[in-house]
Protein backbone atom coordinates (compact mmCIF):
# COMPACT_ATOMS: atom_id res chain seq x y z
CA UNK A 1 31.35 3.37 -34.47
CA UNK A 2 30.41 5.14 -37.73
CA UNK A 3 27.13 6.98 -38.13
CA UNK A 4 25.92 4.46 -40.71
CA UNK A 5 26.72 1.54 -38.39
CA UNK A 6 24.91 3.26 -35.52
CA UNK A 7 21.86 3.81 -37.72
CA UNK A 8 21.86 0.14 -38.73
CA UNK A 9 22.06 -0.85 -35.05
CA UNK A 10 19.16 1.42 -34.18
CA UNK A 11 17.06 0.03 -37.05
CA UNK A 12 17.75 -3.53 -35.97
CA UNK A 13 17.11 -2.80 -32.30
CA UNK A 14 13.71 -1.28 -33.03
CA UNK A 15 12.57 -3.98 -35.44
CA UNK A 16 9.03 -5.12 -34.72
CA UNK A 17 7.80 -8.66 -34.12
CA UNK A 18 4.81 -9.78 -36.16
CA UNK A 19 1.89 -10.91 -34.00
CA UNK A 20 1.55 -14.21 -35.85
CA UNK A 21 5.15 -15.12 -34.94
CA UNK A 22 4.21 -15.25 -31.24
CA UNK A 23 1.99 -18.31 -31.68
CA UNK A 24 -1.21 -18.91 -29.70
CA UNK A 25 -1.95 -16.32 -27.02
CA UNK A 26 -3.64 -16.67 -23.63
CA UNK A 27 -4.98 -13.66 -21.77
CA UNK A 28 -3.54 -13.42 -18.25
CA UNK A 29 -4.89 -10.06 -17.11
CA UNK A 30 -8.17 -8.25 -17.16
CA UNK A 31 -8.68 -5.69 -19.90
CA UNK A 32 -7.27 -2.34 -18.79
CA UNK A 33 -7.67 1.19 -20.08
CA UNK A 34 -5.02 0.68 -22.76
CA UNK A 35 -4.73 -3.05 -23.37
CA UNK A 36 -4.47 -6.57 -22.03
CA UNK A 37 -1.50 -8.81 -21.25
CA UNK A 38 -1.15 -12.26 -22.86
CA UNK A 39 1.14 -15.24 -22.56
CA UNK A 40 2.91 -16.04 -25.83
CA UNK A 41 3.76 -19.49 -27.11
CA UNK A 42 6.94 -18.46 -28.96
CA UNK A 43 9.59 -16.07 -27.66
CA UNK A 44 11.53 -14.31 -30.45
CA UNK A 45 15.10 -15.73 -30.53
CA UNK A 46 16.58 -12.22 -30.59
CA UNK A 47 15.36 -11.67 -27.02
CA UNK A 48 17.43 -14.54 -25.67
CA UNK A 49 16.52 -17.07 -22.97
CA UNK A 50 13.78 -15.16 -21.23
CA UNK A 51 10.03 -15.48 -20.75
CA UNK A 52 8.06 -12.65 -22.28
CA UNK A 53 4.45 -11.52 -22.38
CA UNK A 54 2.65 -9.35 -24.91
CA UNK A 55 0.62 -6.30 -24.02
CA UNK A 56 -1.85 -5.85 -26.88
CA UNK A 57 -3.64 -2.53 -27.23
CA UNK A 58 -7.42 -2.26 -27.25
CA UNK A 59 -7.48 0.59 -29.76
CA UNK A 60 -5.11 1.84 -32.43
CA UNK A 61 -2.43 3.98 -30.71
CA UNK A 62 -1.45 7.42 -32.05
CA UNK A 63 0.61 7.47 -35.26
CA UNK A 64 3.76 8.62 -33.50
CA UNK A 65 3.58 5.82 -30.89
CA UNK A 66 5.48 3.31 -33.06
CA UNK A 67 8.43 5.69 -33.42
CA UNK A 68 8.55 6.52 -29.70
CA UNK A 69 8.37 2.86 -28.64
CA UNK A 70 11.02 1.88 -31.19
CA UNK A 71 13.30 4.57 -29.75
CA UNK A 72 12.65 3.29 -26.21
CA UNK A 73 13.61 -0.24 -27.27
CA UNK A 74 16.70 0.96 -29.14
CA UNK A 75 17.85 3.11 -26.21
CA UNK A 76 17.57 0.23 -23.74
CA UNK A 77 19.71 -2.01 -25.96
CA UNK A 78 22.43 0.63 -26.24
CA UNK A 79 22.88 0.80 -22.47
CA UNK A 80 25.92 -0.93 -21.02
CA UNK A 81 25.35 -4.31 -19.41
CA UNK A 82 25.05 -3.01 -15.84
CA UNK A 83 22.64 -0.22 -16.71
CA UNK A 84 20.55 -2.54 -18.90
CA UNK A 85 20.32 -5.06 -16.05
CA UNK A 86 19.35 -2.28 -13.66
CA UNK A 87 16.62 -1.11 -16.04
CA UNK A 88 15.28 -4.67 -16.24
CA UNK A 89 15.14 -4.91 -12.44
CA UNK A 90 13.41 -1.57 -11.91
CA UNK A 91 10.99 -1.40 -14.85
CA UNK A 92 8.79 -3.55 -17.07
CA UNK A 93 10.47 -1.89 -20.06
CA UNK A 94 9.39 -2.62 -23.67
CA UNK A 95 11.65 -5.25 -25.25
CA UNK A 96 10.18 -5.00 -28.76
CA UNK A 97 7.09 -3.75 -30.53
CA UNK A 98 4.35 -6.03 -31.84
CA UNK A 99 2.78 -5.32 -35.22
CA UNK A 100 -0.05 -6.77 -37.26
CA UNK A 101 -0.05 -6.14 -40.98
CA UNK A 102 2.52 -3.41 -40.47
CA UNK A 103 0.53 -1.51 -37.82
CA UNK A 104 1.57 -1.15 -34.17
CA UNK A 105 -0.46 -3.61 -32.11
CA UNK A 106 1.37 -3.84 -28.77
CA UNK A 107 4.70 -4.45 -27.05
CA UNK A 108 6.68 -7.37 -25.62
CA UNK A 109 8.09 -7.22 -22.10
CA UNK A 110 9.47 -9.53 -19.45
CA UNK A 111 6.99 -11.76 -17.62
CA UNK A 112 7.11 -10.35 -14.09
CA UNK A 113 4.98 -13.04 -12.46
CA UNK A 114 7.90 -15.25 -11.32
CA UNK A 115 9.35 -12.30 -9.41
CA UNK A 116 6.28 -10.60 -7.99
CA UNK A 117 3.50 -13.15 -7.59
CA UNK A 118 2.74 -14.07 -4.00
CA UNK A 119 0.48 -16.85 -2.62
CA UNK A 120 -2.32 -14.95 -0.87
CA UNK A 121 -4.60 -16.60 1.63
CA UNK A 122 -8.02 -15.16 0.88
CA UNK A 123 -10.64 -14.46 3.57
CA UNK A 124 -12.42 -17.64 2.41
CA UNK A 125 -9.30 -19.67 3.27
CA UNK A 126 -8.44 -20.41 -0.36
CA UNK A 127 -5.03 -19.51 -1.75
CA UNK A 128 -4.44 -17.61 -4.99
CA UNK A 129 -1.41 -16.17 -6.75
CA UNK A 130 -1.58 -12.36 -6.63
CA UNK A 131 0.83 -9.79 -7.98
CA UNK A 132 2.05 -8.00 -4.87
CA UNK A 133 1.85 -4.25 -5.39
CA UNK A 134 2.12 -0.99 -3.50
CA UNK A 135 -1.63 -1.04 -2.86
CA UNK A 136 -1.15 -4.00 -0.51
CA UNK A 137 1.24 -1.97 1.66
CA UNK A 138 -0.97 1.02 2.47
CA UNK A 139 -3.12 -0.57 5.17
CA UNK A 140 -2.47 -2.03 8.62
CA UNK A 141 0.94 -3.39 9.59
CA UNK A 142 -0.34 -6.96 9.81
CA UNK A 143 -2.15 -7.07 6.45
CA UNK A 144 0.41 -9.32 4.74
CA UNK A 145 0.60 -11.52 7.83
CA UNK A 146 -3.17 -12.01 7.54
CA UNK A 147 -2.62 -13.03 3.93
CA UNK A 148 -0.10 -15.70 4.88
CA UNK A 149 3.14 -13.82 4.04
CA UNK A 150 5.91 -13.56 6.64
CA UNK A 151 6.24 -9.79 6.29
CA UNK A 152 5.30 -7.23 8.92
CA UNK A 153 4.72 -3.79 7.44
CA UNK A 154 6.31 -1.82 10.27
CA UNK A 155 7.87 1.61 9.84
CA UNK A 156 11.29 0.25 8.90
CA UNK A 157 9.84 -1.98 6.17
CA UNK A 158 7.86 0.95 4.81
CA UNK A 159 10.96 3.15 4.78
CA UNK A 160 12.86 0.44 2.87
CA UNK A 161 10.10 0.18 0.25
CA UNK A 162 10.02 3.98 -0.12
CA UNK A 163 13.81 3.98 -0.54
CA UNK A 164 13.57 1.46 -3.40
CA UNK A 165 10.85 3.49 -5.14
CA UNK A 166 12.88 6.69 -4.79
CA UNK A 167 15.94 4.91 -6.19
CA UNK A 168 13.94 3.65 -9.20
CA UNK A 169 12.58 7.13 -9.95
CA UNK A 170 16.05 8.65 -9.57
CA UNK A 171 17.36 6.15 -12.16
CA UNK A 172 14.63 7.12 -14.64
CA UNK A 173 15.07 10.84 -14.07
CA UNK A 174 18.82 10.58 -14.72
CA UNK A 175 17.91 9.27 -18.17
CA UNK A 176 15.31 12.00 -18.86
CA UNK A 177 12.35 9.65 -18.31
CA UNK A 178 9.26 10.70 -16.33
CA UNK A 179 7.18 7.91 -14.79
CA UNK A 180 3.93 9.96 -14.92
CA UNK A 181 1.48 7.54 -13.29
CA UNK A 182 3.13 6.70 -9.97
CA UNK A 183 0.25 4.83 -8.31
CA UNK A 184 -0.50 1.72 -6.20
CA UNK A 185 -1.14 -0.58 -9.18
CA UNK A 186 1.91 0.52 -11.16
CA UNK A 187 4.51 -0.30 -8.49
CA UNK A 188 5.09 -4.02 -7.96
CA UNK A 189 6.80 -5.13 -4.75
CA UNK A 190 8.40 -8.33 -3.54
CA UNK A 191 10.23 -9.35 -0.37
CA UNK A 192 13.21 -11.64 -0.80
CA UNK A 193 14.31 -12.81 2.68
CA UNK A 194 12.61 -9.72 4.10
CA UNK A 195 14.40 -7.31 1.74
CA UNK A 196 12.05 -5.40 -0.60
CA UNK A 197 12.45 -4.92 -4.34
CA UNK A 198 10.23 -2.80 -6.57
CA UNK A 199 9.42 -2.60 -10.27
CA UNK A 200 7.56 0.17 -12.14
CA UNK A 201 5.20 -0.95 -14.90
CA UNK A 202 3.12 0.68 -17.66
CA UNK A 203 6.38 1.99 -19.09
CA UNK A 204 4.85 2.50 -22.55
CA UNK A 205 2.95 5.44 -20.99
CA UNK A 206 6.05 7.09 -19.52
CA UNK A 207 7.44 10.31 -20.97
CA UNK A 208 10.62 9.32 -22.79
CA UNK A 209 12.83 12.35 -23.32
CA UNK A 210 9.89 14.67 -23.78
CA UNK A 211 7.74 12.32 -25.89
CA UNK A 212 4.97 9.90 -25.01
CA UNK A 213 3.91 6.87 -27.04
CA UNK A 214 0.57 6.59 -25.20
CA UNK A 215 -1.33 9.11 -23.17
CA UNK A 216 -0.86 8.33 -19.49
CA UNK A 217 -4.10 7.71 -17.62
CA UNK A 218 -3.50 9.08 -14.13
CA UNK A 219 -4.93 7.02 -11.31
CA UNK A 220 -7.69 8.77 -9.40
CA UNK A 221 -6.55 10.44 -6.16
CA UNK A 222 -2.88 10.01 -7.18
CA UNK A 223 -2.81 12.95 -9.55
CA UNK A 224 -1.67 16.52 -9.07
CA UNK A 225 -4.29 18.78 -7.45
CA UNK A 226 -6.01 20.85 -10.11
CA UNK A 227 -5.34 23.95 -8.01
CA UNK A 228 -1.61 23.55 -8.70
CA UNK A 229 -2.16 24.41 -12.40
CA UNK A 230 1.09 22.78 -13.53
CA UNK A 231 1.93 20.24 -16.24
CA UNK A 232 1.64 16.58 -15.28
CA UNK A 233 4.50 15.09 -17.33
CA UNK A 234 7.47 16.50 -15.45
CA UNK A 235 9.98 15.34 -12.87
CA UNK A 236 8.40 17.85 -10.46
CA UNK A 237 5.07 16.03 -10.88
CA UNK A 238 6.84 12.73 -10.16
CA UNK A 239 8.34 14.36 -7.05
CA UNK A 240 4.85 15.29 -5.81
CA UNK A 241 3.59 11.73 -6.33
CA UNK A 242 6.65 10.33 -4.55
CA UNK A 243 5.64 12.54 -1.63
CA UNK A 244 2.15 11.00 -1.75
CA UNK A 245 3.73 7.52 -1.66
CA UNK A 246 5.77 8.51 1.40
CA UNK A 247 2.80 10.04 3.21
CA UNK A 248 0.44 7.14 2.56
CA UNK A 249 3.01 4.48 3.43
CA UNK A 250 3.76 6.00 6.84
CA UNK A 251 0.15 7.07 7.51
CA UNK A 252 -1.17 3.59 6.59
CA UNK A 253 -3.67 5.34 4.32
CA UNK A 254 -4.95 5.02 0.75
CA UNK A 255 -6.11 8.61 0.40
CA UNK A 256 -4.22 10.96 2.76
CA UNK A 257 -3.24 14.30 1.17
CA UNK A 258 -2.52 16.64 4.07
CA UNK A 259 0.70 15.60 5.83
CA UNK A 260 0.15 17.50 9.08
CA UNK A 261 -2.26 15.05 10.84
CA UNK A 262 0.11 12.15 10.08
CA UNK A 263 3.53 13.61 10.81
CA UNK A 264 3.69 11.80 14.15
CA UNK A 265 4.11 8.55 12.18
CA UNK A 266 6.73 9.97 9.77
CA UNK A 267 10.40 9.80 10.83
CA UNK A 268 11.40 13.30 11.93
CA UNK A 269 14.30 13.39 9.47
CA UNK A 270 11.85 13.09 6.55
CA UNK A 271 9.17 15.57 7.59
CA UNK A 272 10.77 18.55 5.88
CA UNK A 273 11.10 16.61 2.63
CA UNK A 274 7.46 15.53 2.87
CA UNK A 275 6.17 19.07 3.34
CA UNK A 276 8.23 20.32 0.39
CA UNK A 277 7.16 17.41 -1.82
CA UNK A 278 3.43 18.09 -1.36
CA UNK A 279 3.62 21.87 -1.60
CA UNK A 280 2.45 23.81 -4.71
CA UNK A 281 6.02 24.89 -5.46
CA UNK A 282 7.50 22.61 -8.17
CA UNK A 283 11.09 23.96 -8.15
CA UNK A 284 11.39 23.37 -4.39
CA UNK A 285 10.18 19.76 -4.36
CA UNK A 286 12.94 17.33 -3.36
CA UNK A 287 14.10 15.16 -6.27
CA UNK A 288 14.00 11.40 -5.93
CA UNK A 289 17.75 11.28 -5.33
CA UNK A 290 17.41 13.52 -2.28
CA UNK A 291 14.77 11.19 -0.86
CA UNK A 292 17.07 8.24 -1.50
CA UNK A 293 20.00 9.84 0.37
CA UNK A 294 17.81 10.90 3.31
CA UNK A 295 16.26 7.43 3.60
CA UNK A 296 19.71 5.81 3.60
CA UNK A 297 20.62 7.95 6.63
CA UNK A 298 17.32 7.18 8.38
CA UNK A 299 17.70 3.43 7.85
CA UNK A 300 21.29 3.45 9.11
CA UNK A 301 20.12 5.20 12.29
CA UNK A 302 17.84 2.31 13.30
CA UNK A 303 15.15 2.19 16.02
CA UNK A 304 12.43 3.20 13.56
CA UNK A 305 9.93 0.64 14.85
CA UNK A 306 10.37 1.77 18.45
CA UNK A 307 10.25 5.48 17.64
CA UNK A 308 7.40 5.31 15.13
CA UNK A 309 5.22 2.25 15.84
CA UNK A 310 2.42 3.41 13.55
CA UNK A 311 -1.26 4.15 14.22
CA UNK A 312 -3.50 1.65 15.99
CA UNK A 313 -6.90 1.91 14.37
CA UNK A 314 -8.37 -1.58 14.42
CA UNK A 315 -10.50 -3.10 17.19
CA UNK A 316 -8.83 -5.61 19.48
CA UNK A 317 -9.09 -9.15 18.17
CA UNK A 318 -9.89 -11.94 20.63
CA UNK A 319 -6.70 -13.26 22.16
CA UNK A 320 -4.37 -10.86 20.39
CA UNK A 321 -3.16 -7.28 20.08
CA UNK A 322 -5.05 -4.72 18.02
CA UNK A 323 -4.63 -5.21 14.29
CA UNK A 324 -1.88 -2.95 13.03
CA UNK A 325 -0.28 -2.50 16.45
CA UNK A 326 3.43 -3.03 16.81
CA UNK A 327 2.78 -5.51 19.59
CA UNK A 328 5.29 -3.95 21.99
CA UNK A 329 4.52 -2.76 25.50
CA UNK A 330 6.89 0.22 25.16
CA UNK A 331 5.01 1.53 22.12
CA UNK A 332 2.15 2.80 24.38
CA UNK A 333 3.34 5.64 26.56
CA UNK A 334 1.89 8.33 28.77
CA UNK A 335 3.61 11.05 30.81
CA UNK A 336 3.73 10.70 34.56
CA UNK A 337 4.47 14.39 35.00
CA UNK A 338 4.45 17.46 32.76
CA UNK A 339 7.49 19.07 34.31
CA UNK A 340 10.70 19.47 32.27
CA UNK A 341 13.36 16.83 32.36
CA UNK A 342 11.05 14.05 33.50
CA UNK A 343 11.51 10.79 31.61
CA UNK A 344 8.28 9.37 30.22
CA UNK A 345 7.93 5.83 31.57
CA UNK A 346 6.76 2.94 29.45
CA UNK A 347 3.27 1.76 30.32
CA UNK A 348 1.98 -1.64 29.26
CA UNK A 349 -1.36 -1.57 27.42
CA UNK A 350 -2.98 -3.65 30.17
CA UNK A 351 -2.17 -0.90 32.66
CA UNK A 352 -4.28 1.55 30.64
CA UNK A 353 -7.44 -0.59 30.88
CA UNK A 354 -10.34 0.65 33.03
CA UNK A 355 -10.30 -1.27 36.36
CA UNK A 356 -13.33 -3.37 37.28
CA UNK A 357 -16.16 -1.87 39.32
CA UNK A 358 -15.11 -3.51 42.63
CA UNK A 359 -11.58 -2.21 42.30
CA UNK A 360 -12.84 1.26 41.43
CA UNK A 361 -15.07 1.24 44.51
CA UNK A 362 -12.07 0.46 46.69
CA UNK A 363 -10.16 3.28 45.05
CA UNK A 364 -12.94 5.77 45.69
CA UNK A 365 -13.26 4.58 49.28
CA UNK A 366 -9.57 5.16 49.81
CA UNK A 367 -10.02 8.69 48.47
CA UNK A 368 -12.69 9.61 51.04
CA UNK A 369 -15.81 8.62 49.08
CA UNK A 370 -16.32 5.29 50.83
CA UNK A 371 -18.66 6.47 53.58
CA UNK A 372 -20.91 8.34 51.15
CA UNK A 373 -21.23 5.36 48.82
CA UNK A 374 -21.96 2.95 51.67
CA UNK A 375 -24.70 5.24 53.01
CA UNK A 376 -26.37 5.59 49.62
CA UNK A 377 -26.26 1.86 48.98
CA UNK A 378 -27.69 1.07 52.44
CA UNK A 379 -30.60 3.51 52.09
CA UNK A 380 -31.42 2.20 48.59
CA UNK A 381 -31.33 -1.40 49.81
CA UNK A 382 -33.66 -0.75 52.74
CA UNK A 383 -36.14 1.14 50.55
CA UNK A 384 -36.13 -1.69 48.01
CA UNK A 385 -36.78 -4.34 50.67
CA UNK A 386 -39.68 -2.36 52.15
CA UNK A 387 -41.31 -1.85 48.76
CA UNK A 388 -40.78 -5.49 47.80
CA UNK A 389 -42.39 -6.73 51.03
CA UNK A 390 -45.37 -4.42 50.64
CA UNK A 391 -46.01 -5.53 47.02
CA UNK A 392 -45.64 -9.18 48.01
CA UNK A 393 -48.25 -8.77 50.72
CA UNK A 394 -50.72 -7.16 48.30
CA UNK A 395 -50.18 -9.92 45.72
CA UNK A 396 -50.95 -12.58 48.34
CA UNK A 397 -54.44 -11.07 48.75
CA UNK A 398 -55.23 -11.30 45.00
CA UNK A 399 -56.40 -14.47 43.18
CA UNK A 400 -53.64 -16.25 41.38
CA UNK A 401 -53.30 -15.84 37.59
CA UNK A 402 -51.31 -17.77 35.03
CA UNK A 403 -47.76 -16.51 34.67
CA UNK A 404 -46.91 -14.62 31.52
CA UNK A 405 -44.68 -16.52 29.19
CA UNK A 406 -41.03 -15.30 29.01
CA UNK A 407 -39.22 -12.90 31.21
CA UNK A 408 -39.38 -9.94 28.82
CA UNK A 409 -35.60 -9.70 28.28
CA UNK A 410 -33.84 -10.68 25.07
CA UNK A 411 -30.57 -12.51 25.52
CA UNK A 412 -27.49 -10.35 25.23
CA UNK A 413 -26.31 -10.18 21.64
CA UNK A 414 -22.75 -11.29 21.00
CA UNK A 415 -20.66 -8.80 19.13
CA UNK A 416 -19.71 -9.93 15.64
CA UNK A 417 -16.05 -10.86 15.19
CA UNK A 418 -14.00 -8.13 13.57
CA UNK A 419 -13.11 -8.73 9.94
CA UNK A 420 -10.97 -6.29 8.04
CA UNK A 421 -12.21 -5.68 4.53
CA UNK A 422 -9.49 -5.86 1.90
CA UNK A 423 -10.48 -4.86 -1.63
CA UNK A 424 -6.85 -4.43 -2.56
CA UNK A 425 -6.21 -7.52 -4.61
CA UNK A 426 -7.70 -8.82 -7.81
CA UNK A 427 -8.44 -12.40 -8.83
CA UNK A 428 -9.83 -12.57 -12.37
CA UNK A 429 -12.82 -14.72 -13.24
CA UNK A 430 -12.25 -17.87 -15.18
CA UNK A 431 -9.09 -18.93 -13.35
CA UNK A 432 -6.72 -16.44 -14.99
CA UNK A 433 -3.88 -14.99 -12.97
CA UNK A 434 -3.70 -11.26 -12.26
CA UNK A 435 -0.68 -9.84 -13.99
CA UNK A 436 0.82 -6.63 -15.28
CA UNK A 437 -1.78 -4.06 -16.23
């Protein structure tokens, strides 16, 4: 292809769509830091048979943003069919720019709701369509089950999700693209027949070959520590944030930073990668591709759920196992002996419960305490009977008085049922559906 033909192709690929050509718009997300997503009535014919949405910016973007976004659109259209399809699966990539009176006003992108919306059962019992995101996967193993989805977030499922995120970042890094804001709201997740897929959004804030259309707004507590004193828009920064994703997935935590207290829940084959990823040494952090290869090996090995059942932090619910527990008797173990070579037997959770008082008394009696306990109880009983008889005799000599109302004891208060708070989904007011932000 000649240079002139290539330039014509690039110009055509980056051509903007006028806002008025999209027809009536309907807001389908809350207003974010950069803009708001809208349904469009008319899809530009050049984009083919697809459903698109428009992200319209709240404020005028920098002057260079139009050029960067046009280059991002042009680059995606020059990819071969397989790579372009892969990009569409992994990212909410800009399909075209939106202008108003010649000025950049937003971007068009695929509508991701059909792929990533899930019917959540809210604590009130009502159901609502919610975009499933990484933030929903950082709590207890049974969180999605409580929300009506047939997905248990055990260690294997978490490793599979991490593998998909690492694969997506590796794809971007191969093309000199830095994700920048790797955070719970910017990674959408879905489970198709139990198999996870992921999609990175807010692509107009990514660093595209050293340039950024918009300034990335890093999510609080998902940024580089200020003590690292390193630039944020690098693949090494992405590698650190991928380490945070790994740590918080396996630790079932939204804010863990130090890996050491949580390593017991991280597959042993990944612990070295995790320590390197979160260390203040950018050149030594494992790239996303190394994570992907290591996770492939871990997943092929199997037995992740048995070896790493995850923390049990929730109170026991009536009639069921503790929330977040793996629900397996062999996940609770204790050593019978500290000597070498002794196999640790599996102990059912019920066996760890404190025995009732009568059973404990029999145990103590068998250990030589029985006679002492019986003597103490007998002496106390005799003393009580003597005192009771003496007081009763004195009371019989006094004139009778009306009995005081009530017995002086409040009824035992029933403990409130446990309810796990879940602020990790958003349902907009006015009936709108939460969508890409």
